[in-house]
C-alpha atoms as a PDB file:
ATOM      1  CA  UNK A   1      -2.999   5.812 -10.020  1.00  0.00           C
ATOM      2  CA  UNK A   2       0.734   5.668 -11.664  1.00  0.00           C
ATOM      3  CA  UNK A   3       0.513   9.238 -12.109  1.00  0.00           C
ATOM      4  CA  UNK A   4      -0.336   9.912  -8.510  1.00  0.00           C
ATOM      5  CA  UNK A   5       2.580   7.722  -7.147  1.00  0.00           C
ATOM      6  CA  UNK A   6       5.075   9.811  -8.845  1.00  0.00           C
ATOM      7  CA  UNK A   7       3.327  13.322  -7.780  1.00  0.00           C
ATOM      8  CA  UNK A   8       4.239  15.184  -4.438  1.00  0.00           C
ATOM      9  CA  UNK A   9       0.668  14.612  -2.557  1.00  0.00           C
ATOM     10  CA  UNK A  10       0.949  10.457  -3.276  1.00  0.00           C
ATOM     11  CA  UNK A  11       1.344  10.105   0.679  1.00  0.00           C
ATOM     12  CA  UNK A  12      -1.805  12.132   1.652  1.00  0.00           C
ATOM     13  CA  UNK A  13      -3.477  10.670  -1.403  1.00  0.00           C
ATOM     14  CA  UNK A  14      -2.815   7.832  -0.188  1.00  0.00           C
ATOM     15  CA  UNK A  15      -3.562   8.111   3.169  1.00  0.00           C
ATOM     16  CA  UNK A  16      -7.058   9.336   2.447  1.00  0.00           C
ATOM     17  CA  UNK A  17      -8.147   6.991   0.264  1.00  0.00           C
ATOM     18  CA  UNK A  18      -7.152   4.252   3.039  1.00  0.00           C
ATOM     19  CA  UNK A  19      -8.982   6.019   5.817  1.00  0.00           C
ATOM     20  CA  UNK A  20     -12.399   6.498   3.323  1.00  0.00           C
ATOM     21  CA  UNK A  21     -11.685   2.616   2.741  1.00  0.00           C
ATOM     22  CA  UNK A  22     -11.864   1.883   6.507  1.00  0.00           C
ATOM     23  CA  UNK A  23     -15.244   4.461   6.831  1.00  0.00           C
ATOM     24  CA  UNK A  24     -17.064   2.963   3.998  1.00  0.00           C
ATOM     25  CA  UNK A  25     -16.366  -0.800   5.795  1.00  0.00           C
ATOM     26  CA  UNK A  26     -17.925   0.543   9.067  1.00  0.00           C
ATOM     27  CA  UNK A  27     -20.774   2.395   7.680  1.00  0.00           C
ATOM     28  CA  UNK A  28     -21.900   0.261   4.661  1.00  0.00           C
ATOM     29  CA  UNK A  29     -20.709  -3.238   5.576  1.00  0.00           C
ATOM     30  CA  UNK A  30     -21.119  -2.878   9.328  1.00  0.00           C
ATOM     31  CA  UNK A  31     -17.720  -3.772  10.322  1.00  0.00           C
ATOM     32  CA  UNK A  32     -16.908  -3.088  13.880  1.00  0.00           C
ATOM     33  CA  UNK A  33     -13.027  -3.299  14.453  1.00  0.00           C
ATOM     34  CA  UNK A  34     -10.179  -1.348  13.279  1.00  0.00           C
ATOM     35  CA  UNK A  35      -7.959  -1.631  10.148  1.00  0.00           C
ATOM     36  CA  UNK A  36      -5.260  -4.335  10.975  1.00  0.00           C
ATOM     37  CA  UNK A  37      -1.584  -3.308  10.078  1.00  0.00           C
ATOM     38  CA  UNK A  38       1.171  -5.784   9.123  1.00  0.00           C
ATOM     39  CA  UNK A  39       4.596  -4.772  10.026  1.00  0.00           C
ATOM     40  CA  UNK A  40       6.168  -7.205   7.187  1.00  0.00           C
ATOM     41  CA  UNK A  41       9.911  -5.960   7.628  1.00  0.00           C
ATOM     42  CA  UNK A  42       9.811  -7.951  11.089  1.00  0.00           C
ATOM     43  CA  UNK A  43       9.495 -10.809   9.156  1.00  0.00           C
ATOM     44  CA  UNK A  44      11.493 -10.129   5.943  1.00  0.00           C
ATOM     45  CA  UNK A  45      14.742 -11.295   5.878  1.00  0.00           C
ATOM     46  CA  UNK A  46      17.813  -9.270   4.877  1.00  0.00           C
ATOM     47  CA  UNK A  47      20.296 -11.792   4.040  1.00  0.00           C
ATOM     48  CA  UNK A  48      18.107 -14.763   2.389  1.00  0.00           C
ATOM     49  CA  UNK A  49      16.079 -13.397  -0.499  1.00  0.00           C
ATOM     50  CA  UNK A  50      14.318 -16.924  -1.171  1.00  0.00           C
ATOM     51  CA  UNK A  51      12.960 -17.151   2.647  1.00  0.00           C
ATOM     52  CA  UNK A  52       9.588 -17.695   2.820  1.00  0.00           C
ATOM     53  CA  UNK A  53       9.363 -16.908   6.506  1.00  0.00           C
ATOM     54  CA  UNK A  54       7.960 -13.602   5.847  1.00  0.00           C
ATOM     55  CA  UNK A  55       5.008 -15.488   4.432  1.00  0.00           C
ATOM     56  CA  UNK A  56       4.473 -17.760   7.736  1.00  0.00           C
ATOM     57  CA  UNK A  57       3.595 -14.553   9.797  1.00  0.00           C
ATOM     58  CA  UNK A  58       0.326 -14.966  11.916  1.00  0.00           C
ATOM     59  CA  UNK A  59      -1.660 -12.720   9.932  1.00  0.00           C
ATOM     60  CA  UNK A  60      -1.202 -14.920   6.826  1.00  0.00           C
ATOM     61  CA  UNK A  61      -3.147 -17.534   9.284  1.00  0.00           C
ATOM     62  CA  UNK A  62      -4.922 -20.531   6.853  1.00  0.00           C
ATOM     63  CA  UNK A  63      -7.730 -21.094   9.447  1.00  0.00           C
ATOM     64  CA  UNK A  64      -8.008 -17.549  11.280  1.00  0.00           C
ATOM     65  CA  UNK A  65      -6.505 -14.781   9.281  1.00  0.00           C
ATOM     66  CA  UNK A  66      -5.987 -13.415   6.029  1.00  0.00           C
ATOM     67  CA  UNK A  67      -4.973 -16.404   4.290  1.00  0.00           C
ATOM     68  CA  UNK A  68      -1.977 -17.824   1.781  1.00  0.00           C
ATOM     69  CA  UNK A  69      -1.847 -17.882  -2.018  1.00  0.00           C
ATOM     70  CA  UNK A  70      -3.725 -19.485  -4.810  1.00  0.00           C
ATOM     71  CA  UNK A  71      -2.233 -22.180  -6.928  1.00  0.00           C
ATOM     72  CA  UNK A  72       0.059 -21.277  -9.424  1.00  0.00           C
ATOM     73  CA  UNK A  73      -1.626 -20.192 -12.720  1.00  0.00           C
ATOM     74  CA  UNK A  74      -0.275 -18.816 -15.853  1.00  0.00           C
ATOM     75  CA  UNK A  75      -1.327 -15.163 -16.125  1.00  0.00           C
ATOM     76  CA  UNK A  76      -2.156 -12.662 -18.815  1.00  0.00           C
ATOM     77  CA  UNK A  77       0.212  -9.270 -19.187  1.00  0.00           C
ATOM     78  CA  UNK A  78      -3.062  -7.382 -17.296  1.00  0.00           C
ATOM     79  CA  UNK A  79      -2.920  -9.428 -14.291  1.00  0.00           C
ATOM     80  CA  UNK A  80       1.002  -9.161 -14.125  1.00  0.00           C
ATOM     81  CA  UNK A  81       2.082  -6.473 -16.128  1.00  0.00           C
ATOM     82  CA  UNK A  82       5.965  -6.445 -15.187  1.00  0.00           C
ATOM     83  CA  UNK A  83       6.418  -9.622 -15.950  1.00  0.00           C
ATOM     84  CA  UNK A  84       8.205 -10.386 -12.826  1.00  0.00           C
ATOM     85  CA  UNK A  85       9.983 -13.807 -11.878  1.00  0.00           C
ATOM     86  CA  UNK A  86       9.516 -15.988  -9.156  1.00  0.00           C
ATOM     87  CA  UNK A  87       5.980 -15.808  -8.823  1.00  0.00           C
ATOM     88  CA  UNK A  88       4.462 -18.729  -7.049  1.00  0.00           C
ATOM     89  CA  UNK A  89       0.817 -18.395  -7.200  1.00  0.00           C
ATOM     90  CA  UNK A  90      -1.885 -16.131  -9.167  1.00  0.00           C
ATOM     91  CA  UNK A  91      -4.660 -18.042  -8.676  1.00  0.00           C
ATOM     92  CA  UNK A  92      -7.635 -18.105  -6.051  1.00  0.00           C
ATOM     93  CA  UNK A  93      -6.901 -17.736  -2.510  1.00  0.00           C
ATOM     94  CA  UNK A  94      -7.504 -21.299  -1.035  1.00  0.00           C
ATOM     95  CA  UNK A  95      -7.891 -20.767   2.797  1.00  0.00           C
ATOM     96  CA  UNK A  96      -8.485 -18.187   5.506  1.00  0.00           C
ATOM     97  CA  UNK A  97     -11.037 -15.631   5.892  1.00  0.00           C
ATOM     98  CA  UNK A  98     -11.002 -14.268   2.297  1.00  0.00           C
ATOM     99  CA  UNK A  99     -10.764 -17.599   0.369  1.00  0.00           C
ATOM    100  CA  UNK A 100     -12.606 -18.387  -2.464  1.00  0.00           C
ATOM    101  CA  UNK A 101     -16.420 -18.560  -2.240  1.00  0.00           C
ATOM    102  CA  UNK A 102     -16.546 -16.176   1.045  1.00  0.00           C
ATOM    103  CA  UNK A 103     -14.839 -13.523  -0.637  1.00  0.00           C
ATOM    104  CA  UNK A 104     -15.895 -11.707  -4.175  1.00  0.00           C
ATOM    105  CA  UNK A 105     -14.110  -9.435  -5.921  1.00  0.00           C
ATOM    106  CA  UNK A 106     -16.262  -6.762  -7.937  1.00  0.00           C
ATOM    107  CA  UNK A 107     -13.764  -3.966  -9.213  1.00  0.00           C
ATOM    108  CA  UNK A 108     -13.553  -4.152 -13.143  1.00  0.00           C
ATOM    109  CA  UNK A 109     -15.390  -7.163 -13.657  1.00  0.00           C
ATOM    110  CA  UNK A 110     -18.336  -7.288 -15.727  1.00  0.00           C
ATOM    111  CA  UNK A 111     -22.010  -6.450 -14.523  1.00  0.00           C
ATOM    112  CA  UNK A 112     -23.477  -9.270 -12.429  1.00  0.00           C
ATOM    113  CA  UNK A 113     -19.890 -10.701 -12.562  1.00  0.00           C
ATOM    114  CA  UNK A 114     -17.283 -11.011  -9.790  1.00  0.00           C
ATOM    115  CA  UNK A 115     -14.095 -12.754  -9.223  1.00  0.00           C
ATOM    116  CA  UNK A 116     -11.886 -13.968  -6.395  1.00  0.00           C
ATOM    117  CA  UNK A 117      -9.217 -12.816  -4.479  1.00  0.00           C
ATOM    118  CA  UNK A 118      -5.598 -14.019  -5.688  1.00  0.00           C
ATOM    119  CA  UNK A 119      -2.458 -13.459  -4.696  1.00  0.00           C
ATOM    120  CA  UNK A 120       1.190 -13.997  -6.179  1.00  0.00           C
ATOM    121  CA  UNK A 121       3.833 -14.558  -3.693  1.00  0.00           C
ATOM    122  CA  UNK A 122       7.510 -13.542  -5.152  1.00  0.00           C
ATOM    123  CA  UNK A 123       9.928 -14.048  -2.174  1.00  0.00           C
ATOM    124  CA  UNK A 124      12.469 -12.147  -3.441  1.00  0.00           C
ATOM    125  CA  UNK A 125      10.605  -8.628  -3.706  1.00  0.00           C
ATOM    126  CA  UNK A 126       9.332  -9.386  -0.170  1.00  0.00           C
ATOM    127  CA  UNK A 127      12.308  -9.906   1.541  1.00  0.00           C
ATOM    128  CA  UNK A 128      14.364  -7.702  -0.827  1.00  0.00           C
ATOM    129  CA  UNK A 129      11.627  -4.790  -0.976  1.00  0.00           C
ATOM    130  CA  UNK A 130      10.482  -4.874   2.559  1.00  0.00           C
ATOM    131  CA  UNK A 131      13.360  -5.755   4.844  1.00  0.00           C
ATOM    132  CA  UNK A 132      13.950  -3.393   7.739  1.00  0.00           C
ATOM    133  CA  UNK A 133      16.877  -1.680   6.503  1.00  0.00           C
ATOM    134  CA  UNK A 134      14.974   0.289   3.860  1.00  0.00           C
ATOM    135  CA  UNK A 135      12.207   1.261   6.545  1.00  0.00           C
ATOM    136  CA  UNK A 136      15.124   2.738   8.431  1.00  0.00           C
ATOM    137  CA  UNK A 137      16.267   4.502   5.370  1.00  0.00           C
ATOM    138  CA  UNK A 138      13.182   6.213   4.435  1.00  0.00           C
ATOM    139  CA  UNK A 139      12.420   7.216   7.737  1.00  0.00           C
ATOM    140  CA  UNK A 140      15.794   8.795   8.158  1.00  0.00           C
ATOM    141  CA  UNK A 141      14.862  10.850   5.523  1.00  0.00           C
ATOM    142  CA  UNK A 142      14.967  15.052   6.422  1.00  0.00           C
ATOM    143  CA  UNK A 143      11.885  16.228   4.656  1.00  0.00           C
ATOM    144  CA  UNK A 144       8.970  15.534   2.903  1.00  0.00           C
ATOM    145  CA  UNK A 145      10.022  15.705  -0.272  1.00  0.00           C
ATOM    146  CA  UNK A 146      12.871  13.177   0.455  1.00  0.00           C
ATOM    147  CA  UNK A 147      10.720  11.033   2.407  1.00  0.00           C
ATOM    148  CA  UNK A 148       8.037  10.514  -0.224  1.00  0.00           C
ATOM    149  CA  UNK A 149      10.708  10.260  -3.026  1.00  0.00           C
ATOM    150  CA  UNK A 150      12.470   7.410  -1.050  1.00  0.00           C
ATOM    151  CA  UNK A 151       9.143   5.422  -0.100  1.00  0.00           C
ATOM    152  CA  UNK A 152       8.504   5.202  -4.111  1.00  0.00           C
ATOM    153  CA  UNK A 153      12.156   5.514  -5.360  1.00  0.00           C
ATOM    154  CA  UNK A 154      12.309   4.782  -8.701  1.00  0.00           C
ATOM    155  CA  UNK A 155       9.798   3.432 -11.206  1.00  0.00           C
ATOM    156  CA  UNK A 156      11.458  -0.080 -12.365  1.00  0.00           C
ATOM    157  CA  UNK A 157      12.690  -2.828 -10.512  1.00  0.00           C
ATOM    158  CA  UNK A 158      16.422  -2.260 -10.535  1.00  0.00           C
ATOM    159  CA  UNK A 159      16.256  -0.701  -7.057  1.00  0.00           C
ATOM    160  CA  UNK A 160      14.243  -2.126  -4.184  1.00  0.00           C
ATOM    161  CA  UNK A 161      11.477   0.243  -2.844  1.00  0.00           C
ATOM    162  CA  UNK A 162       9.262  -0.309   0.121  1.00  0.00           C
ATOM    163  CA  UNK A 163       6.108   0.598  -1.363  1.00  0.00           C
ATOM    164  CA  UNK A 164       6.658  -1.822  -3.937  1.00  0.00           C
ATOM    165  CA  UNK A 165       7.457  -4.543  -1.548  1.00  0.00           C
ATOM    166  CA  UNK A 166       3.869  -5.138  -0.678  1.00  0.00           C
ATOM    167  CA  UNK A 167       2.063  -4.584  -4.133  1.00  0.00           C
ATOM    168  CA  UNK A 168       4.284  -7.012  -6.253  1.00  0.00           C
ATOM    169  CA  UNK A 169       5.704  -9.439  -3.048  1.00  0.00           C
ATOM    170  CA  UNK A 170       1.952 -10.222  -2.225  1.00  0.00           C
ATOM    171  CA  UNK A 171       0.742  -9.582  -5.885  1.00  0.00           C
ATOM    172  CA  UNK A 172      -2.314 -10.836  -7.499  1.00  0.00           C
ATOM    173  CA  UNK A 173      -4.821  -8.089  -7.274  1.00  0.00           C
ATOM    174  CA  UNK A 174      -2.418  -6.240  -5.391  1.00  0.00           C
ATOM    175  CA  UNK A 175       0.179  -6.237  -8.190  1.00  0.00           C
ATOM    176  CA  UNK A 176      -2.104  -5.279 -10.852  1.00  0.00           C
ATOM    177  CA  UNK A 177      -2.137  -1.365 -11.582  1.00  0.00           C
ATOM    178  CA  UNK A 178      -6.110  -0.879 -11.343  1.00  0.00           C
ATOM    179  CA  UNK A 179      -6.946  -2.984  -8.397  1.00  0.00           C
ATOM    180  CA  UNK A 180      -4.075  -2.192  -5.865  1.00  0.00           C
ATOM    181  CA  UNK A 181      -4.969   1.092  -4.312  1.00  0.00           C
ATOM    182  CA  UNK A 182      -4.553  -0.633  -0.778  1.00  0.00           C
ATOM    183  CA  UNK A 183      -0.927  -0.869  -0.627  1.00  0.00           C
ATOM    184  CA  UNK A 184       1.192  -0.172   2.418  1.00  0.00           C
ATOM    185  CA  UNK A 185       2.936   3.458   3.484  1.00  0.00           C
ATOM    186  CA  UNK A 186       0.457   5.165   5.858  1.00  0.00           C
ATOM    187  CA  UNK A 187       1.981   3.827   8.773  1.00  0.00           C
ATOM    188  CA  UNK A 188       5.354   4.477   7.887  1.00  0.00           C
ATOM    189  CA  UNK A 189       4.460   7.589   7.055  1.00  0.00           C
ATOM    190  CA  UNK A 190       2.991   8.740  10.132  1.00  0.00           C
ATOM    191  CA  UNK A 191       5.906   7.108  12.425  1.00  0.00           C
ATOM    192  CA  UNK A 192       7.931   9.799  10.279  1.00  0.00           C
ATOM    193  CA  UNK A 193       6.066  12.621  10.687  1.00  0.00           C
ATOM    194  CA  UNK A 194       6.026  11.499  14.722  1.00  0.00           C
ATOM    195  CA  UNK A 195       9.843  11.921  14.732  1.00  0.00           C
ATOM    196  CA  UNK A 196       9.485  15.743  14.309  1.00  0.00           C
ATOM    197  CA  UNK A 197       5.644  16.470  14.744  1.00  0.00           C
ATOM    198  CA  UNK A 198       5.841  20.055  15.131  1.00  0.00           C
ATOM    199  CA  UNK A 199       7.277  20.623  11.974  1.00  0.00           C
ATOM    200  CA  UNK A 200       6.043  17.992   9.712  1.00  0.00           C
ATOM    201  CA  UNK A 201       2.441  18.216  10.620  1.00  0.00           C
ATOM    202  CA  UNK A 202       3.009  21.339   8.455  1.00  0.00           C
ATOM    203  CA  UNK A 203       5.165  20.156   5.335  1.00  0.00           C
ATOM    204  CA  UNK A 204       4.211  19.013   2.526  1.00  0.00           C
ATOM    205  CA  UNK A 205       6.425  18.897  -1.353  1.00  0.00           C
ATOM    206  CA  UNK A 206       7.096  16.960  -4.407  1.00  0.00           C
ATOM    207  CA  UNK A 207       6.234  17.414  -8.169  1.00  0.00           C
ATOM    208  CA  UNK A 208       3.083  18.646  -9.667  1.00  0.00           C
ATOM    209  CA  UNK A 209       4.226  16.884 -12.804  1.00  0.00           C
ATOM    210  CA  UNK A 210       5.371  12.926 -11.749  1.00  0.00           C
ATOM    211  CA  UNK A 211       9.087  12.695 -11.560  1.00  0.00           C
ATOM    212  CA  UNK A 212       9.890  16.451 -12.678  1.00  0.00           C
ATOM    213  CA  UNK A 213      11.567  17.224  -9.390  1.00  0.00           C
ATOM    214  CA  UNK A 214      12.921  20.327 -10.775  1.00  0.00           C
ATOM    215  CA  UNK A 215       9.514  21.623 -11.574  1.00  0.00           C
ATOM    216  CA  UNK A 216       6.736  23.320  -9.539  1.00  0.00           C
ATOM    217  CA  UNK A 217       5.625  21.423  -6.260  1.00  0.00           C
ATOM    218  CA  UNK A 218       2.714  20.677  -4.605  1.00  0.00           C
ATOM    219  CA  UNK A 219       1.380  23.178  -1.751  1.00  0.00           C
ATOM    220  CA  UNK A 220      -0.565  22.765   1.548  1.00  0.00           C
ATOM    221  CA  UNK A 221      -3.467  24.085  -0.608  1.00  0.00           C
ATOM    222  CA  UNK A 222      -3.447  21.447  -3.178  1.00  0.00           C
ATOM    223  CA  UNK A 223      -6.569  19.606  -3.035  1.00  0.00           C
ATOM    224  CA  UNK A 224      -7.204  15.575  -2.824  1.00  0.00           C
ATOM    225  CA  UNK A 225     -10.541  14.894  -5.303  1.00  0.00           C
ATOM    226  CA  UNK A 226     -11.881  11.411  -4.893  1.00  0.00           C
ATOM    227  CA  UNK A 227     -15.260  11.876  -6.968  1.00  0.00           C
ATOM    228  CA  UNK A 228     -18.479  10.739  -5.313  1.00  0.00           C
ATOM    229  CA  UNK A 229     -16.473   8.564  -2.893  1.00  0.00           C
ATOM    230  CA  UNK A 230     -15.560  11.509  -0.234  1.00  0.00           C
ATOM    231  CA  UNK A 231     -15.385  15.129  -0.016  1.00  0.00           C
ATOM    232  CA  UNK A 232     -12.578  17.041  -1.771  1.00  0.00           C
ATOM    233  CA  UNK A 233      -9.620  17.757   1.145  1.00  0.00           C
ATOM    234  CA  UNK A 234      -6.961  19.894   0.960  1.00  0.00           C
ATOM    235  CA  UNK A 235      -3.195  18.321   1.605  1.00  0.00           C
ATOM    236  CA  UNK A 236      -3.222  20.366   5.173  1.00  0.00           C
ATOM    237  CA  UNK A 237      -6.158  18.638   6.332  1.00  0.00           C
ATOM    238  CA  UNK A 238      -4.886  15.443   5.607  1.00  0.00           C
ATOM    239  CA  UNK A 239      -1.270  16.156   7.050  1.00  0.00           C
ATOM    240  CA  UNK A 240      -2.777  15.090  10.616  1.00  0.00           C
ATOM    241  CA  UNK A 241      -4.821  12.069  10.935  1.00  0.00           C
ATOM    242  CA  UNK A 242      -6.237  12.706  14.669  1.00  0.00           C
ATOM    243  CA  UNK A 243      -8.074  15.834  13.204  1.00  0.00           C
ATOM    244  CA  UNK A 244     -11.827  15.996  11.961  1.00  0.00           C
ATOM    245  CA  UNK A 245     -11.509  15.191   8.350  1.00  0.00           C
ATOM    246  CA  UNK A 246      -9.656  11.331   9.095  1.00  0.00           C
ATOM    247  CA  UNK A 247      -9.871  10.820  12.827  1.00  0.00           C
ATOM    248  CA  UNK A 248      -7.717   7.967  13.549  1.00  0.00           C
ATOM    249  CA  UNK A 249      -4.849   6.747  15.423  1.00  0.00           C
ATOM    250  CA  UNK A 250      -1.991   3.949  15.395  1.00  0.00           C
ATOM    251  CA  UNK A 251      -2.019   1.696  18.166  1.00  0.00           C
ATOM    252  CA  UNK A 252       1.601   0.532  19.709  1.00  0.00           C
ATOM    253  CA  UNK A 253       2.968   3.888  17.653  1.00  0.00           C
END
């Protein structure tokens, strides 16, 4: 997963993974709705990195929606691998539809065991990494390679990036290395494509070898392989979310 983040196919890998997740929700879990999207750049503060307003968004309503974060707990290195400061929780989510006892996480658990959903809000990351000026910077990129690079930026916390805002600003499961595939990005990707749709539905790029921007680039026939989860798909087939492989749209965009 960490390797894929800094390869050229990542934005399209992520798009396919998220669509596959939604398909399983519908086919195996009976889910009838659409997949919600939270644009937290609307709620993030560009002037106060300690602001908690971003966590008061309607989506995190404690009664009817996603709920908040769990109580503060000390965590092991594999639960907080980057040892980030300013964390506020880390325990099991206590309210909302995904609270402890109502939602069970089975990924990377021993057979017959499950865990709760954990969140560990870090305000400075949500506000500093998630503010709208950074979204504007990503959307202003002239081609796929520079867009994907701006989305992820560099692999440390000395510079902000919008991809890391959801992972580590929400934290908990999203902030681990193994269980956090569902992170932000695809709606921003589609918004960027829509700004020059005819050209950007046929454009890919970026390194085959992670972070090697002077080396070989991925091409349209580069293939995404999810094993048993989904059929292999070329990047060309994933560039248009409205085509037959993905078949979805974003309302309000």
